Amino acid sequence: MMDPESSKSANTSDCDHEIKNVDWISCKDFTVEAGEQQIRQYMDTWDLKHPGWLYSVQFLQEQEQEFKKQYHYRVQWSIPTQTAPIPGATASVYFIIEISTIKPNTLPVDVHFLIESTRSKHIPGRTRFREKWLMDVLESKTLLMDTIDF
């Protein structure tokens, strides 16, 4: 298994920020539990400024496709507080880990993720995660909830 402290990084061309990644597990060694552990390890590389972020990871499903298997996970993020320990809104990040059935099984799994309410596909090692994405989802949900009378 991977050392949780090890991570790879590459410099971006447009700014001085690093795009961080982890050494993803090989296809032959993949399990649903290892996938969750690696997602957690990858998210630990994210530069989150707000200290109150908490998350939970849930395995959703396995999908068989023609030349690959996909493993779907949902990570729900929130910022609970002492006065509101159950947050009014959460922001989800959906991870898909793909295992090729035609490439050598010694290659690493392919991983991408999507932020709730967006269509952009992000690839670890190529995309620098931005905390603003999570904040935008929380803010839009909070604004929507403020318009609803219960």
N, C-alpha and C. Protein backbone atom coordinates (compact mmCIF):
# COMPACT_ATOMS: atom_id res chain seq x y z
N MET A 1 0.85 -1.18 0.00
CA MET A 1 0.00 0.00 0.00
C MET A 1 0.89 1.24 0.00
N MET A 2 0.32 2.34 -0.39
CA MET A 2 1.07 3.59 -0.51
C MET A 2 1.39 4.19 0.85
N ASP A 3 2.50 4.87 0.95
CA ASP A 3 2.84 5.65 2.12
C ASP A 3 1.99 6.91 2.09
N PRO A 4 1.15 7.16 3.13
CA PRO A 4 0.24 8.32 3.08
C PRO A 4 0.97 9.65 2.98
N GLU A 5 2.23 9.67 3.34
CA GLU A 5 2.98 10.93 3.28
C GLU A 5 3.54 11.22 1.90
N SER A 6 3.60 10.19 1.04
CA SER A 6 4.20 10.41 -0.28
C SER A 6 3.19 11.01 -1.24
N SER A 7 3.61 12.00 -1.98
CA SER A 7 2.76 12.58 -3.01
C SER A 7 3.64 13.18 -4.08
N LYS A 8 3.10 13.22 -5.29
CA LYS A 8 3.81 13.82 -6.41
C LYS A 8 3.22 15.18 -6.66
N SER A 9 3.98 16.06 -7.23
CA SER A 9 3.44 17.36 -7.60
C SER A 9 4.10 17.83 -8.88
N ALA A 10 3.37 18.68 -9.60
CA ALA A 10 3.87 19.28 -10.83
C ALA A 10 3.54 20.75 -10.80
N ASN A 11 4.39 21.58 -11.35
CA ASN A 11 4.12 23.01 -11.37
C ASN A 11 3.13 23.35 -12.46
N THR A 12 2.27 24.32 -12.17
CA THR A 12 1.35 24.79 -13.19
C THR A 12 2.06 25.84 -14.01
N SER A 13 1.61 26.07 -15.21
CA SER A 13 2.26 27.06 -16.07
C SER A 13 1.71 28.45 -15.86
N ASP A 14 0.47 28.57 -15.31
CA ASP A 14 -0.15 29.87 -15.23
C ASP A 14 0.08 30.60 -13.91
N CYS A 15 0.56 29.93 -12.88
CA CYS A 15 0.79 30.60 -11.61
C CYS A 15 1.80 29.83 -10.79
N ASP A 16 2.04 30.28 -9.57
CA ASP A 16 3.04 29.65 -8.73
C ASP A 16 2.49 28.54 -7.85
N HIS A 17 1.24 28.12 -8.10
CA HIS A 17 0.64 27.06 -7.31
C HIS A 17 1.08 25.70 -7.85
N GLU A 18 1.16 24.74 -6.95
CA GLU A 18 1.48 23.39 -7.35
C GLU A 18 0.20 22.59 -7.55
N ILE A 19 0.22 21.71 -8.52
CA ILE A 19 -0.87 20.76 -8.70
C ILE A 19 -0.40 19.48 -8.04
N LYS A 20 -1.06 19.09 -6.96
CA LYS A 20 -0.63 17.94 -6.18
C LYS A 20 -1.41 16.70 -6.58
N ASN A 21 -0.77 15.57 -6.37
CA ASN A 21 -1.37 14.29 -6.70
C ASN A 21 -0.80 13.24 -5.76
N VAL A 22 -1.29 12.04 -5.86
CA VAL A 22 -0.76 10.91 -5.11
C VAL A 22 -0.38 9.82 -6.11
N ASP A 23 0.33 8.83 -5.64
CA ASP A 23 0.64 7.66 -6.46
C ASP A 23 -0.56 6.72 -6.38
N TRP A 24 -1.35 6.72 -7.44
CA TRP A 24 -2.57 5.92 -7.43
C TRP A 24 -2.23 4.44 -7.54
N ILE A 25 -3.05 3.63 -6.90
CA ILE A 25 -2.87 2.19 -6.82
C ILE A 25 -2.96 1.54 -8.20
N SER A 26 -2.31 0.40 -8.38
CA SER A 26 -2.40 -0.31 -9.65
C SER A 26 -3.78 -0.97 -9.77
N CYS A 27 -4.16 -1.22 -11.01
CA CYS A 27 -5.47 -1.84 -11.27
C CYS A 27 -5.59 -3.19 -10.56
N LYS A 28 -4.51 -3.97 -10.57
CA LYS A 28 -4.58 -5.31 -9.98
C LYS A 28 -4.72 -5.29 -8.47
N ASP A 29 -4.27 -4.22 -7.82
CA ASP A 29 -4.33 -4.13 -6.36
C ASP A 29 -5.56 -3.37 -5.86
N PHE A 30 -6.39 -2.89 -6.79
CA PHE A 30 -7.52 -2.05 -6.40
C PHE A 30 -8.59 -2.85 -5.66
N THR A 31 -9.13 -2.23 -4.60
CA THR A 31 -10.34 -2.69 -3.91
C THR A 31 -11.17 -1.44 -3.63
N VAL A 32 -12.43 -1.62 -3.33
CA VAL A 32 -13.30 -0.48 -3.01
C VAL A 32 -12.73 0.28 -1.81
N GLU A 33 -12.25 -0.44 -0.81
CA GLU A 33 -11.69 0.18 0.39
C GLU A 33 -10.40 0.94 0.06
N ALA A 34 -9.55 0.35 -0.77
CA ALA A 34 -8.31 1.04 -1.17
C ALA A 34 -8.63 2.30 -1.96
N GLY A 35 -9.67 2.24 -2.78
CA GLY A 35 -10.09 3.42 -3.53
C GLY A 35 -10.50 4.54 -2.59
N GLU A 36 -11.27 4.22 -1.56
CA GLU A 36 -11.68 5.24 -0.59
C GLU A 36 -10.47 5.81 0.14
N GLN A 37 -9.55 4.95 0.52
CA GLN A 37 -8.35 5.41 1.21
C GLN A 37 -7.54 6.35 0.33
N GLN A 38 -7.42 6.03 -0.95
CA GLN A 38 -6.66 6.88 -1.86
C GLN A 38 -7.36 8.21 -2.12
N ILE A 39 -8.68 8.20 -2.19
CA ILE A 39 -9.42 9.45 -2.34
C ILE A 39 -9.15 10.35 -1.13
N ARG A 40 -9.19 9.78 0.06
CA ARG A 40 -8.89 10.54 1.28
C ARG A 40 -7.46 11.10 1.23
N GLN A 41 -6.53 10.25 0.82
CA GLN A 41 -5.12 10.66 0.71
C GLN A 41 -4.98 11.81 -0.29
N TYR A 42 -5.66 11.71 -1.42
CA TYR A 42 -5.61 12.77 -2.43
C TYR A 42 -6.21 14.07 -1.89
N MET A 43 -7.38 13.97 -1.23
CA MET A 43 -8.02 15.18 -0.71
C MET A 43 -7.17 15.85 0.38
N ASP A 44 -6.34 15.07 1.07
CA ASP A 44 -5.43 15.64 2.06
C ASP A 44 -4.41 16.58 1.42
N THR A 45 -4.21 16.49 0.11
CA THR A 45 -3.26 17.38 -0.58
C THR A 45 -3.90 18.72 -0.93
N TRP A 46 -5.24 18.83 -0.80
CA TRP A 46 -5.93 20.06 -1.15
C TRP A 46 -5.60 21.17 -0.17
N ASP A 47 -5.43 22.35 -0.67
CA ASP A 47 -5.08 23.51 0.14
C ASP A 47 -6.37 24.21 0.58
N LEU A 48 -6.94 23.75 1.69
CA LEU A 48 -8.18 24.32 2.21
C LEU A 48 -7.84 25.35 3.28
N LYS A 49 -8.32 26.57 3.10
CA LYS A 49 -8.01 27.67 4.03
C LYS A 49 -8.89 27.63 5.27
N HIS A 50 -10.18 27.32 5.10
CA HIS A 50 -11.11 27.29 6.24
C HIS A 50 -10.81 26.05 7.08
N PRO A 51 -10.57 26.23 8.38
CA PRO A 51 -10.18 25.08 9.22
C PRO A 51 -11.33 24.15 9.59
N GLY A 52 -12.57 24.55 9.34
CA GLY A 52 -13.71 23.78 9.81
C GLY A 52 -14.26 22.73 8.87
N TRP A 53 -13.66 22.56 7.71
CA TRP A 53 -14.19 21.59 6.74
C TRP A 53 -14.15 20.18 7.31
N LEU A 54 -15.26 19.47 7.15
CA LEU A 54 -15.33 18.04 7.46
C LEU A 54 -15.96 17.35 6.25
N TYR A 55 -15.65 16.06 6.09
CA TYR A 55 -16.24 15.34 4.97
C TYR A 55 -16.52 13.89 5.34
N SER A 56 -17.38 13.28 4.56
CA SER A 56 -17.62 11.85 4.65
C SER A 56 -17.55 11.28 3.25
N VAL A 57 -17.02 10.07 3.13
CA VAL A 57 -16.86 9.40 1.84
C VAL A 57 -17.81 8.21 1.81
N GLN A 58 -18.52 8.09 0.70
CA GLN A 58 -19.46 6.98 0.54
C GLN A 58 -19.23 6.32 -0.82
N PHE A 59 -19.08 4.99 -0.82
CA PHE A 59 -19.04 4.25 -2.07
C PHE A 59 -20.47 4.13 -2.58
N LEU A 60 -20.68 4.50 -3.85
CA LEU A 60 -22.03 4.48 -4.41
C LEU A 60 -22.34 3.23 -5.22
N GLN A 61 -21.47 2.93 -6.20
CA GLN A 61 -21.76 1.79 -7.06
C GLN A 61 -20.56 1.41 -7.91
N GLU A 62 -20.64 0.18 -8.42
CA GLU A 62 -19.69 -0.31 -9.42
C GLU A 62 -20.45 -0.43 -10.72
N GLN A 63 -19.85 0.05 -11.81
CA GLN A 63 -20.49 -0.01 -13.12
C GLN A 63 -19.56 -0.73 -14.09
N GLU A 64 -20.09 -1.73 -14.74
CA GLU A 64 -19.34 -2.48 -15.75
C GLU A 64 -19.58 -1.82 -17.10
N GLN A 65 -18.50 -1.51 -17.82
CA GLN A 65 -18.61 -0.96 -19.16
C GLN A 65 -17.82 -1.84 -20.11
N GLU A 66 -17.80 -1.49 -21.40
CA GLU A 66 -17.21 -2.39 -22.38
C GLU A 66 -15.74 -2.73 -22.11
N PHE A 67 -14.92 -1.73 -21.83
CA PHE A 67 -13.50 -1.98 -21.64
C PHE A 67 -12.98 -1.54 -20.28
N LYS A 68 -13.90 -1.32 -19.34
CA LYS A 68 -13.47 -0.85 -18.02
C LYS A 68 -14.57 -1.07 -17.00
N LYS A 69 -14.16 -1.02 -15.75
CA LYS A 69 -15.09 -0.99 -14.63
C LYS A 69 -14.93 0.36 -13.96
N GLN A 70 -16.04 0.95 -13.58
CA GLN A 70 -16.01 2.23 -12.88
C GLN A 70 -16.52 2.05 -11.46
N TYR A 71 -15.83 2.72 -10.53
CA TYR A 71 -16.22 2.71 -9.13
C TYR A 71 -16.55 4.15 -8.74
N HIS A 72 -17.79 4.36 -8.32
CA HIS A 72 -18.29 5.71 -8.04
C HIS A 72 -18.34 5.96 -6.53
N TYR A 73 -17.82 7.12 -6.15
CA TYR A 73 -17.81 7.55 -4.75
C TYR A 73 -18.38 8.96 -4.66
N ARG A 74 -19.01 9.26 -3.52
CA ARG A 74 -19.45 10.63 -3.24
C ARG A 74 -18.78 11.08 -1.95
N VAL A 75 -18.21 12.28 -2.00
CA VAL A 75 -17.63 12.89 -0.80
C VAL A 75 -18.47 14.12 -0.48
N GLN A 76 -19.09 14.12 0.70
CA GLN A 76 -19.92 15.26 1.11
C GLN A 76 -19.12 16.12 2.08
N TRP A 77 -18.97 17.40 1.70
CA TRP A 77 -18.21 18.38 2.48
C TRP A 77 -19.17 19.33 3.17
N SER A 78 -18.81 19.76 4.38
CA SER A 78 -19.59 20.76 5.09
C SER A 78 -18.70 21.46 6.11
N ILE A 79 -19.24 22.54 6.65
CA ILE A 79 -18.54 23.29 7.70
C ILE A 79 -19.48 23.39 8.91
N PRO A 80 -19.53 22.34 9.74
CA PRO A 80 -20.37 22.43 10.93
C PRO A 80 -19.75 23.40 11.94
N THR A 81 -20.60 23.98 12.77
CA THR A 81 -20.12 24.89 13.81
C THR A 81 -20.73 24.47 15.15
N GLN A 82 -20.29 25.10 16.24
CA GLN A 82 -20.87 24.79 17.55
C GLN A 82 -22.34 25.15 17.59
N THR A 83 -22.69 26.26 16.96
CA THR A 83 -24.10 26.69 16.98
C THR A 83 -24.94 25.95 15.95
N ALA A 84 -24.32 25.38 14.94
CA ALA A 84 -25.03 24.61 13.91
C ALA A 84 -24.24 23.34 13.60
N PRO A 85 -24.28 22.36 14.54
CA PRO A 85 -23.49 21.14 14.32
C PRO A 85 -23.98 20.29 13.15
N ILE A 86 -25.24 20.48 12.79
CA ILE A 86 -25.76 19.82 11.59
C ILE A 86 -25.87 20.92 10.53
N PRO A 87 -24.98 20.90 9.55
CA PRO A 87 -24.95 22.00 8.58
C PRO A 87 -26.22 22.06 7.73
N GLY A 88 -26.57 23.27 7.34
CA GLY A 88 -27.75 23.47 6.50
C GLY A 88 -27.51 23.09 5.05
N ALA A 89 -26.25 23.00 4.66
CA ALA A 89 -25.93 22.66 3.27
C ALA A 89 -24.65 21.86 3.23
N THR A 90 -24.55 21.00 2.23
CA THR A 90 -23.32 20.25 1.97
C THR A 90 -22.95 20.45 0.51
N ALA A 91 -21.69 20.20 0.20
CA ALA A 91 -21.22 20.25 -1.17
C ALA A 91 -20.61 18.89 -1.49
N SER A 92 -21.06 18.29 -2.57
CA SER A 92 -20.58 16.95 -2.93
C SER A 92 -19.53 17.00 -4.04
N VAL A 93 -18.55 16.12 -3.91
CA VAL A 93 -17.55 15.89 -4.94
C VAL A 93 -17.69 14.42 -5.32
N TYR A 94 -17.87 14.16 -6.61
CA TYR A 94 -18.07 12.80 -7.09
C TYR A 94 -16.79 12.30 -7.76
N PHE A 95 -16.25 11.21 -7.22
CA PHE A 95 -15.04 10.60 -7.77
C PHE A 95 -15.41 9.35 -8.55
N ILE A 96 -14.74 9.15 -9.67
CA ILE A 96 -14.89 7.93 -10.45
C ILE A 96 -13.50 7.35 -10.65
N ILE A 97 -13.33 6.12 -10.19
CA ILE A 97 -12.07 5.39 -10.38
C ILE A 97 -12.34 4.33 -11.43
N GLU A 98 -11.50 4.34 -12.48
CA GLU A 98 -11.70 3.40 -13.60
C GLU A 98 -10.57 2.38 -13.63
N ILE A 99 -11.00 1.12 -13.82
CA ILE A 99 -10.08 0.00 -13.96
C ILE A 99 -10.22 -0.52 -15.38
N SER A 100 -9.17 -0.42 -16.16
CA SER A 100 -9.22 -0.90 -17.54
C SER A 100 -9.24 -2.43 -17.56
N THR A 101 -10.02 -2.99 -18.47
CA THR A 101 -10.04 -4.45 -18.64
C THR A 101 -9.19 -4.87 -19.84
N ILE A 102 -8.57 -3.88 -20.52
CA ILE A 102 -7.75 -4.22 -21.69
C ILE A 102 -6.29 -3.79 -21.54
N LYS A 103 -6.02 -2.81 -20.70
CA LYS A 103 -4.64 -2.38 -20.48
C LYS A 103 -3.98 -3.28 -19.45
N PRO A 104 -2.64 -3.29 -19.39
CA PRO A 104 -1.97 -4.11 -18.37
C PRO A 104 -2.44 -3.72 -16.96
N ASN A 105 -2.69 -4.75 -16.13
CA ASN A 105 -3.24 -4.48 -14.80
C ASN A 105 -2.21 -3.92 -13.82
N THR A 106 -0.97 -3.76 -14.28
CA THR A 106 0.05 -3.14 -13.43
C THR A 106 0.01 -1.61 -13.53
N LEU A 107 -0.73 -1.08 -14.49
CA LEU A 107 -0.87 0.38 -14.62
C LEU A 107 -1.75 0.91 -13.50
N PRO A 108 -1.56 2.19 -13.14
CA PRO A 108 -2.42 2.77 -12.10
C PRO A 108 -3.85 2.96 -12.60
N VAL A 109 -4.77 3.03 -11.65
CA VAL A 109 -6.17 3.31 -11.97
C VAL A 109 -6.26 4.72 -12.55
N ASP A 110 -7.31 4.95 -13.35
CA ASP A 110 -7.61 6.30 -13.85
C ASP A 110 -8.64 6.91 -12.91
N VAL A 111 -8.44 8.19 -12.58
CA VAL A 111 -9.32 8.85 -11.62
C VAL A 111 -9.74 10.20 -12.16
N HIS A 112 -11.00 10.54 -11.99
CA HIS A 112 -11.45 11.91 -12.24
C HIS A 112 -12.56 12.23 -11.25
N PHE A 113 -12.84 13.53 -11.12
CA PHE A 113 -13.89 13.94 -10.19
C PHE A 113 -14.65 15.12 -10.73
N LEU A 114 -15.88 15.26 -10.24
CA LEU A 114 -16.76 16.37 -10.62
C LEU A 114 -17.28 17.02 -9.35
N ILE A 115 -17.45 18.31 -9.40
CA ILE A 115 -18.03 19.05 -8.30
C ILE A 115 -19.54 19.13 -8.54
N GLU A 116 -20.29 18.95 -7.49
CA GLU A 116 -21.75 19.05 -7.58
C GLU A 116 -22.17 20.31 -8.34
N SER A 117 -23.14 20.17 -9.20
CA SER A 117 -23.75 21.23 -10.00
C SER A 117 -22.84 21.80 -11.09
N THR A 118 -21.74 21.12 -11.37
CA THR A 118 -20.89 21.54 -12.48
C THR A 118 -20.71 20.36 -13.43
N ARG A 119 -20.26 20.66 -14.63
CA ARG A 119 -20.05 19.61 -15.62
C ARG A 119 -18.58 19.36 -15.92
N SER A 120 -17.70 20.19 -15.36
CA SER A 120 -16.27 20.05 -15.64
C SER A 120 -15.71 18.79 -15.00
N LYS A 121 -14.96 18.05 -15.80
CA LYS A 121 -14.30 16.83 -15.33
C LYS A 121 -12.88 17.21 -14.92
N HIS A 122 -12.51 16.92 -13.68
CA HIS A 122 -11.19 17.26 -13.15
C HIS A 122 -10.37 15.99 -12.98
N ILE A 123 -9.09 16.06 -13.31
CA ILE A 123 -8.20 14.92 -13.23
C ILE A 123 -7.10 15.22 -12.22
N PRO A 124 -6.97 14.38 -11.18
CA PRO A 124 -5.88 14.60 -10.23
C PRO A 124 -4.53 14.67 -10.94
N GLY A 125 -3.71 15.62 -10.54
CA GLY A 125 -2.41 15.81 -11.18
C GLY A 125 -2.45 16.78 -12.34
N ARG A 126 -3.65 17.08 -12.84
CA ARG A 126 -3.80 18.04 -13.93
C ARG A 126 -4.62 19.25 -13.53
N THR A 127 -5.42 19.11 -12.48
CA THR A 127 -6.28 20.18 -12.01
C THR A 127 -5.90 20.54 -10.59
N ARG A 128 -5.74 21.82 -10.31
CA ARG A 128 -5.52 22.26 -8.93
C ARG A 128 -6.89 22.49 -8.30
N PHE A 129 -7.18 21.76 -7.24
CA PHE A 129 -8.46 21.90 -6.57
C PHE A 129 -8.56 23.29 -5.96
N ARG A 130 -9.75 23.88 -6.05
CA ARG A 130 -10.01 25.20 -5.49
C ARG A 130 -11.13 25.12 -4.46
N GLU A 131 -10.83 25.57 -3.26
CA GLU A 131 -11.81 25.57 -2.18
C GLU A 131 -13.05 26.37 -2.57
N LYS A 132 -12.88 27.36 -3.42
CA LYS A 132 -13.99 28.20 -3.89
C LYS A 132 -15.09 27.36 -4.51
N TRP A 133 -14.74 26.26 -5.16
CA TRP A 133 -15.76 25.40 -5.76
C TRP A 133 -16.73 24.89 -4.70
N LEU A 134 -16.21 24.44 -3.56
CA LEU A 134 -17.06 23.96 -2.48
C LEU A 134 -17.89 25.10 -1.88
N MET A 135 -17.21 26.24 -1.67
CA MET A 135 -17.91 27.40 -1.10
C MET A 135 -19.05 27.87 -2.00
N ASP A 136 -18.83 27.86 -3.31
CA ASP A 136 -19.88 28.28 -4.25
C ASP A 136 -21.11 27.39 -4.14
N VAL A 137 -20.91 26.07 -4.00
CA VAL A 137 -22.05 25.16 -3.86
C VAL A 137 -22.80 25.45 -2.56
N LEU A 138 -22.05 25.60 -1.46
CA LEU A 138 -22.69 25.90 -0.18
C LEU A 138 -23.47 27.21 -0.23
N GLU A 139 -22.87 28.24 -0.82
CA GLU A 139 -23.52 29.55 -0.90
C GLU A 139 -24.78 29.49 -1.76
N SER A 140 -24.73 28.79 -2.88
CA SER A 140 -25.92 28.73 -3.74
C SER A 140 -27.05 27.98 -3.04
N LYS A 141 -26.72 26.93 -2.30
CA LYS A 141 -27.76 26.20 -1.56
C LYS A 141 -28.34 27.05 -0.44
N THR A 142 -27.48 27.78 0.25
CA THR A 142 -27.94 28.65 1.33
C THR A 142 -28.85 29.74 0.79
N LEU A 143 -28.47 30.34 -0.33
CA LEU A 143 -29.33 31.37 -0.95
C LEU A 143 -30.68 30.79 -1.35
N LEU A 144 -30.67 29.61 -1.91
CA LEU A 144 -31.92 28.96 -2.29
C LEU A 144 -32.80 28.68 -1.08
N MET A 145 -32.20 28.16 -0.01
CA MET A 145 -32.96 27.86 1.20
C MET A 145 -33.56 29.14 1.81
N ASP A 146 -32.87 30.27 1.67
CA ASP A 146 -33.38 31.53 2.21
C ASP A 146 -34.63 32.01 1.47
N THR A 147 -34.85 31.51 0.26
CA THR A 147 -36.03 31.93 -0.53
C THR A 147 -37.25 31.07 -0.24
N ILE A 148 -37.06 29.97 0.48
CA ILE A 148 -38.16 29.04 0.74
C ILE A 148 -38.74 29.29 2.13
N ASP A 149 -40.04 29.45 2.18
CA ASP A 149 -40.74 29.60 3.47
C ASP A 149 -41.25 28.25 3.92
N PHE A 150 -40.92 27.88 5.15
CA PHE A 150 -41.39 26.60 5.69
C PHE A 150 -42.54 26.81 6.63
